[in-house]
């Protein structure tokens, strides 16, 4: 009986604790190759976008690819590109934050350089 009470207390402590586990991965989503014979461009800034998904008991949120696409779409909106500008060096960064096995939050950040051609 005493062992069952200790086991139940240990499970309750692990499940209800406010500690979190964070893991991070980063990958390059696209590769842009430009061969220019003259200096006809300049980097004018950087664009940023973010998307989040929340899971309760591993239910809810989006798949990884959909979350990445949402972050890239948000980044494109925030870039406010004009006619001679484009995004290069697009990079995504995924962070997983687990607060007990009950609640998980995944954040995807997308960044890119804004290049303007003359």
N, C-alpha and C. Protein backbone atom coordinates (compact mmCIF):
# COMPACT_ATOMS: atom_id res chain seq x y z
N UNK A 1 0.82 -1.18 0.00
CA UNK A 1 0.00 0.00 0.00
C UNK A 1 0.87 1.26 0.00
N UNK A 2 1.94 1.21 0.81
CA UNK A 2 2.83 2.36 0.90
C UNK A 2 3.51 2.63 -0.44
N UNK A 3 3.89 1.56 -1.18
CA UNK A 3 4.52 1.70 -2.49
C UNK A 3 3.57 2.32 -3.50
N UNK A 4 2.28 1.95 -3.43
CA UNK A 4 1.29 2.50 -4.35
C UNK A 4 1.10 4.00 -4.12
N UNK A 5 1.12 4.42 -2.88
CA UNK A 5 0.95 5.84 -2.54
C UNK A 5 2.17 6.63 -3.03
N UNK A 6 3.37 6.08 -2.82
CA UNK A 6 4.59 6.74 -3.30
C UNK A 6 4.60 6.83 -4.82
N UNK A 7 4.20 5.76 -5.50
CA UNK A 7 4.17 5.77 -6.96
C UNK A 7 3.16 6.80 -7.47
N UNK A 8 1.98 6.86 -6.85
CA UNK A 8 0.97 7.83 -7.25
C UNK A 8 1.45 9.26 -7.01
N UNK A 9 2.14 9.48 -5.89
CA UNK A 9 2.68 10.81 -5.61
C UNK A 9 3.75 11.20 -6.62
N UNK A 10 4.60 10.25 -7.01
CA UNK A 10 5.64 10.54 -8.01
C UNK A 10 5.03 10.86 -9.36
N UNK A 11 4.02 10.11 -9.78
CA UNK A 11 3.36 10.38 -11.06
C UNK A 11 2.67 11.74 -11.02
N UNK A 12 2.01 12.06 -9.92
CA UNK A 12 1.34 13.36 -9.79
C UNK A 12 2.35 14.50 -9.82
N UNK A 13 3.48 14.32 -9.15
CA UNK A 13 4.50 15.37 -9.14
C UNK A 13 5.07 15.60 -10.54
N UNK A 14 5.31 14.53 -11.30
CA UNK A 14 5.86 14.68 -12.65
C UNK A 14 4.82 15.29 -13.59
N UNK A 15 3.56 14.90 -13.43
CA UNK A 15 2.53 15.38 -14.34
C UNK A 15 2.14 16.83 -14.06
N UNK A 16 2.13 17.23 -12.83
CA UNK A 16 1.65 18.56 -12.47
C UNK A 16 2.76 19.58 -12.26
N UNK A 17 3.99 19.20 -12.47
CA UNK A 17 5.08 20.15 -12.28
C UNK A 17 5.09 21.19 -13.38
N UNK A 18 5.68 22.34 -13.11
CA UNK A 18 5.71 23.41 -14.09
C UNK A 18 7.02 23.45 -14.87
N UNK A 19 7.83 22.45 -14.72
CA UNK A 19 9.09 22.38 -15.46
C UNK A 19 8.80 22.13 -16.92
N UNK A 20 9.70 22.51 -17.75
CA UNK A 20 9.51 22.29 -19.18
C UNK A 20 10.75 21.71 -19.81
N UNK A 21 10.56 21.11 -20.94
CA UNK A 21 11.66 20.57 -21.72
C UNK A 21 11.65 21.31 -23.04
N UNK A 22 12.76 21.84 -23.44
CA UNK A 22 12.83 22.57 -24.70
C UNK A 22 13.89 21.95 -25.59
N UNK A 23 13.51 21.64 -26.80
CA UNK A 23 14.47 21.17 -27.79
C UNK A 23 14.36 22.06 -29.01
N UNK A 24 15.44 22.27 -29.68
CA UNK A 24 15.45 23.18 -30.81
C UNK A 24 16.17 22.54 -31.98
N UNK A 25 15.59 22.68 -33.15
CA UNK A 25 16.25 22.25 -34.37
C UNK A 25 16.20 23.40 -35.36
N UNK A 26 17.16 23.47 -36.22
CA UNK A 26 17.20 24.52 -37.22
C UNK A 26 17.60 23.90 -38.55
N UNK A 27 16.92 24.32 -39.61
CA UNK A 27 17.29 23.82 -40.92
C UNK A 27 17.08 24.90 -41.97
N UNK A 28 17.79 24.78 -43.08
CA UNK A 28 17.65 25.72 -44.18
C UNK A 28 16.58 25.18 -45.11
N UNK A 29 15.53 25.95 -45.32
CA UNK A 29 14.39 25.48 -46.09
C UNK A 29 14.65 25.50 -47.59
N UNK A 30 15.21 26.56 -48.09
CA UNK A 30 15.45 26.68 -49.51
C UNK A 30 16.89 27.08 -49.76
N UNK A 31 17.33 26.80 -50.93
CA UNK A 31 18.68 27.18 -51.31
C UNK A 31 18.59 28.07 -52.54
N UNK A 32 19.17 29.25 -52.45
CA UNK A 32 19.15 30.19 -53.56
C UNK A 32 20.55 30.33 -54.10
N UNK A 33 20.70 30.10 -55.40
CA UNK A 33 22.00 30.28 -56.04
C UNK A 33 21.88 31.38 -57.08
N UNK A 34 22.66 32.42 -56.92
CA UNK A 34 22.65 33.53 -57.85
C UNK A 34 24.09 33.79 -58.26
N UNK A 35 24.31 33.80 -59.57
CA UNK A 35 25.63 34.13 -60.09
C UNK A 35 25.50 35.47 -60.79
N UNK A 36 26.16 36.46 -60.24
CA UNK A 36 26.07 37.81 -60.79
C UNK A 36 27.44 38.26 -61.25
N UNK A 37 27.48 38.83 -62.43
CA UNK A 37 28.76 39.30 -62.95
C UNK A 37 29.05 40.75 -62.56
N UNK A 38 28.02 41.45 -62.07
CA UNK A 38 28.23 42.83 -61.64
C UNK A 38 27.46 43.08 -60.35
N UNK A 39 27.78 44.12 -59.71
CA UNK A 39 27.17 44.47 -58.43
C UNK A 39 25.88 45.23 -58.68
N UNK A 40 24.79 44.49 -58.95
CA UNK A 40 23.52 45.14 -59.27
C UNK A 40 22.43 44.85 -58.22
N UNK A 41 22.83 44.56 -57.00
CA UNK A 41 21.87 44.30 -55.94
C UNK A 41 22.42 44.80 -54.60
N UNK A 42 21.51 44.93 -53.62
CA UNK A 42 21.94 45.27 -52.26
C UNK A 42 20.95 44.64 -51.28
N UNK A 43 21.44 44.28 -50.11
CA UNK A 43 20.60 43.73 -49.05
C UNK A 43 19.99 44.92 -48.31
N UNK A 44 18.66 44.99 -48.27
CA UNK A 44 18.00 46.15 -47.68
C UNK A 44 17.39 45.85 -46.31
N UNK A 45 17.37 44.61 -45.91
CA UNK A 45 16.80 44.31 -44.59
C UNK A 45 16.60 42.83 -44.37
N UNK A 46 15.83 42.53 -43.32
CA UNK A 46 15.55 41.16 -42.97
C UNK A 46 14.06 41.03 -42.67
N UNK A 47 13.47 39.92 -43.06
CA UNK A 47 12.06 39.66 -42.81
C UNK A 47 11.93 38.55 -41.76
N UNK A 48 10.84 38.60 -40.98
CA UNK A 48 10.64 37.65 -39.89
C UNK A 48 9.17 37.25 -39.82
N UNK A 49 8.92 35.98 -39.56
CA UNK A 49 7.56 35.49 -39.38
C UNK A 49 7.54 34.38 -38.34
N UNK A 50 6.39 34.20 -37.68
CA UNK A 50 6.29 33.21 -36.62
C UNK A 50 4.93 32.54 -36.67
N UNK A 51 4.90 31.25 -36.37
CA UNK A 51 3.65 30.49 -36.26
C UNK A 51 3.77 29.57 -35.06
N UNK A 52 2.66 29.37 -34.34
CA UNK A 52 2.65 28.52 -33.14
C UNK A 52 1.54 27.48 -33.24
N UNK A 53 1.79 26.34 -32.62
CA UNK A 53 0.79 25.30 -32.49
C UNK A 53 0.82 24.79 -31.06
N UNK A 54 -0.36 24.52 -30.51
CA UNK A 54 -0.47 24.02 -29.15
C UNK A 54 -1.15 22.65 -29.17
N UNK A 55 -0.64 21.75 -28.35
CA UNK A 55 -1.17 20.40 -28.28
C UNK A 55 -1.51 20.08 -26.83
N UNK A 56 -2.68 19.49 -26.61
CA UNK A 56 -3.09 19.01 -25.30
C UNK A 56 -3.30 17.51 -25.45
N UNK A 57 -2.59 16.74 -24.66
CA UNK A 57 -2.58 15.28 -24.79
C UNK A 57 -2.26 14.85 -26.22
N UNK A 58 -1.32 15.55 -26.87
CA UNK A 58 -0.85 15.29 -28.24
C UNK A 58 -1.93 15.48 -29.29
N UNK A 59 -3.00 16.20 -28.96
CA UNK A 59 -4.10 16.45 -29.90
C UNK A 59 -4.17 17.94 -30.17
N UNK A 60 -4.32 18.31 -31.44
CA UNK A 60 -4.47 19.70 -31.82
C UNK A 60 -3.29 20.19 -32.64
N UNK A 61 -3.32 21.45 -33.00
CA UNK A 61 -2.22 22.05 -33.72
C UNK A 61 -2.12 21.60 -35.16
N UNK A 62 -0.99 21.89 -35.77
CA UNK A 62 -0.74 21.60 -37.18
C UNK A 62 0.42 20.63 -37.33
N UNK A 63 0.52 20.05 -38.51
CA UNK A 63 1.70 19.24 -38.81
C UNK A 63 2.90 20.16 -39.01
N UNK A 64 4.10 19.59 -38.97
CA UNK A 64 5.34 20.37 -39.06
C UNK A 64 5.39 21.18 -40.35
N UNK A 65 5.04 20.57 -41.48
CA UNK A 65 5.11 21.26 -42.77
C UNK A 65 4.13 22.43 -42.82
N UNK A 66 2.92 22.24 -42.31
CA UNK A 66 1.93 23.32 -42.31
C UNK A 66 2.37 24.46 -41.40
N UNK A 67 2.98 24.14 -40.27
CA UNK A 67 3.46 25.17 -39.36
C UNK A 67 4.58 25.98 -40.01
N UNK A 68 5.49 25.29 -40.72
CA UNK A 68 6.57 25.99 -41.43
C UNK A 68 6.01 26.89 -42.52
N UNK A 69 5.04 26.40 -43.28
CA UNK A 69 4.43 27.21 -44.34
C UNK A 69 3.73 28.43 -43.77
N UNK A 70 3.05 28.29 -42.62
CA UNK A 70 2.41 29.45 -42.00
C UNK A 70 3.43 30.49 -41.56
N UNK A 71 4.57 30.05 -41.03
CA UNK A 71 5.61 30.99 -40.62
C UNK A 71 6.20 31.71 -41.83
N UNK A 72 6.42 30.98 -42.93
CA UNK A 72 6.97 31.59 -44.15
C UNK A 72 5.96 32.57 -44.75
N UNK A 73 4.68 32.22 -44.75
CA UNK A 73 3.65 33.13 -45.26
C UNK A 73 3.58 34.40 -44.42
N UNK A 74 3.67 34.27 -43.11
CA UNK A 74 3.67 35.43 -42.23
C UNK A 74 4.90 36.30 -42.50
N UNK A 75 6.05 35.67 -42.72
CA UNK A 75 7.27 36.40 -43.03
C UNK A 75 7.11 37.17 -44.34
N UNK A 76 6.52 36.55 -45.34
CA UNK A 76 6.32 37.21 -46.63
C UNK A 76 5.41 38.43 -46.49
N UNK A 77 4.36 38.31 -45.67
CA UNK A 77 3.47 39.46 -45.43
C UNK A 77 4.22 40.59 -44.73
N UNK A 78 5.05 40.24 -43.76
CA UNK A 78 5.77 41.25 -42.99
C UNK A 78 6.89 41.92 -43.78
N UNK A 79 7.33 41.31 -44.89
CA UNK A 79 8.45 41.84 -45.67
C UNK A 79 8.07 43.10 -46.45
N UNK A 80 6.81 43.23 -46.87
CA UNK A 80 6.34 44.38 -47.66
C UNK A 80 7.27 44.60 -48.87
N UNK A 81 7.40 43.60 -49.70
CA UNK A 81 8.30 43.66 -50.86
C UNK A 81 7.76 44.57 -51.94
N UNK A 82 8.67 45.28 -52.62
CA UNK A 82 8.31 46.08 -53.79
C UNK A 82 8.70 45.30 -55.04
N UNK A 83 8.55 45.91 -56.20
CA UNK A 83 8.76 45.21 -57.47
C UNK A 83 10.13 44.61 -57.68
N UNK A 84 11.19 45.25 -57.24
CA UNK A 84 12.54 44.78 -57.51
C UNK A 84 13.16 44.05 -56.31
N UNK A 85 12.34 43.66 -55.33
CA UNK A 85 12.86 43.00 -54.14
C UNK A 85 12.44 41.53 -54.11
N UNK A 86 13.25 40.73 -53.43
CA UNK A 86 12.94 39.32 -53.24
C UNK A 86 13.52 38.86 -51.92
N UNK A 87 13.06 37.70 -51.46
CA UNK A 87 13.57 37.09 -50.23
C UNK A 87 14.61 36.04 -50.58
N UNK A 88 15.74 36.05 -49.90
CA UNK A 88 16.77 35.04 -50.10
C UNK A 88 17.22 34.50 -48.74
N UNK A 89 17.91 33.39 -48.77
CA UNK A 89 18.42 32.75 -47.55
C UNK A 89 17.31 32.51 -46.53
N UNK A 90 16.22 31.90 -46.98
CA UNK A 90 15.10 31.61 -46.09
C UNK A 90 15.50 30.49 -45.14
N UNK A 91 15.33 30.74 -43.85
CA UNK A 91 15.69 29.77 -42.83
C UNK A 91 14.54 29.62 -41.85
N UNK A 92 14.25 28.38 -41.47
CA UNK A 92 13.22 28.14 -40.46
C UNK A 92 13.87 27.56 -39.21
N UNK A 93 13.25 27.83 -38.09
CA UNK A 93 13.76 27.39 -36.79
C UNK A 93 12.58 26.88 -35.97
N UNK A 94 12.62 25.61 -35.58
CA UNK A 94 11.53 25.00 -34.81
C UNK A 94 11.95 24.85 -33.36
N UNK A 95 11.08 25.24 -32.44
CA UNK A 95 11.33 25.06 -31.01
C UNK A 95 10.13 24.34 -30.39
N UNK A 96 10.40 23.29 -29.65
CA UNK A 96 9.36 22.51 -28.99
C UNK A 96 9.49 22.72 -27.49
N UNK A 97 8.42 23.15 -26.87
CA UNK A 97 8.41 23.39 -25.43
C UNK A 97 7.36 22.48 -24.80
N UNK A 98 7.83 21.57 -23.96
CA UNK A 98 6.91 20.63 -23.32
C UNK A 98 6.76 20.99 -21.85
N UNK A 99 5.55 21.31 -21.47
CA UNK A 99 5.23 21.58 -20.07
C UNK A 99 4.36 20.42 -19.63
N UNK A 100 4.97 19.43 -19.08
CA UNK A 100 4.37 18.14 -18.75
C UNK A 100 3.92 17.46 -20.04
N UNK A 101 3.64 16.19 -20.00
CA UNK A 101 3.15 15.52 -21.22
C UNK A 101 1.77 15.98 -21.65
N UNK A 102 1.11 16.76 -20.80
CA UNK A 102 -0.25 17.20 -21.11
C UNK A 102 -0.25 18.34 -22.11
N UNK A 103 0.66 19.31 -22.00
CA UNK A 103 0.65 20.52 -22.82
C UNK A 103 1.99 20.69 -23.53
N UNK A 104 1.93 20.82 -24.86
CA UNK A 104 3.12 21.01 -25.68
C UNK A 104 2.87 22.20 -26.60
N UNK A 105 3.88 23.08 -26.73
CA UNK A 105 3.78 24.23 -27.62
C UNK A 105 4.95 24.18 -28.60
N UNK A 106 4.64 24.26 -29.89
CA UNK A 106 5.65 24.25 -30.94
C UNK A 106 5.63 25.61 -31.62
N UNK A 107 6.81 26.24 -31.73
CA UNK A 107 6.94 27.54 -32.37
C UNK A 107 7.88 27.41 -33.56
N UNK A 108 7.47 27.95 -34.70
CA UNK A 108 8.31 27.96 -35.89
C UNK A 108 8.59 29.41 -36.27
N UNK A 109 9.85 29.76 -36.37
CA UNK A 109 10.28 31.10 -36.80
C UNK A 109 10.91 30.99 -38.18
N UNK A 110 10.58 31.93 -39.05
CA UNK A 110 11.17 31.99 -40.39
C UNK A 110 11.84 33.34 -40.57
N UNK A 111 13.06 33.33 -41.08
CA UNK A 111 13.79 34.57 -41.36
C UNK A 111 14.36 34.51 -42.76
N UNK A 112 14.56 35.68 -43.36
CA UNK A 112 15.15 35.77 -44.70
C UNK A 112 15.73 37.16 -44.89
N UNK A 113 16.68 37.26 -45.80
CA UNK A 113 17.23 38.56 -46.20
C UNK A 113 16.37 39.13 -47.33
N UNK A 114 16.16 40.43 -47.28
CA UNK A 114 15.46 41.12 -48.37
C UNK A 114 16.51 41.73 -49.27
N UNK A 115 16.52 41.30 -50.54
CA UNK A 115 17.49 41.78 -51.52
C UNK A 115 16.77 42.60 -52.55
N UNK A 116 17.35 43.76 -52.89
CA UNK A 116 16.76 44.65 -53.90
C UNK A 116 17.73 44.74 -55.09
N UNK A 117 17.18 44.52 -56.28
CA UNK A 117 17.97 44.61 -57.50
C UNK A 117 17.81 46.01 -58.10
N UNK A 118 18.92 46.53 -58.64
CA UNK A 118 18.92 47.87 -59.24
C UNK A 118 18.45 47.81 -60.66
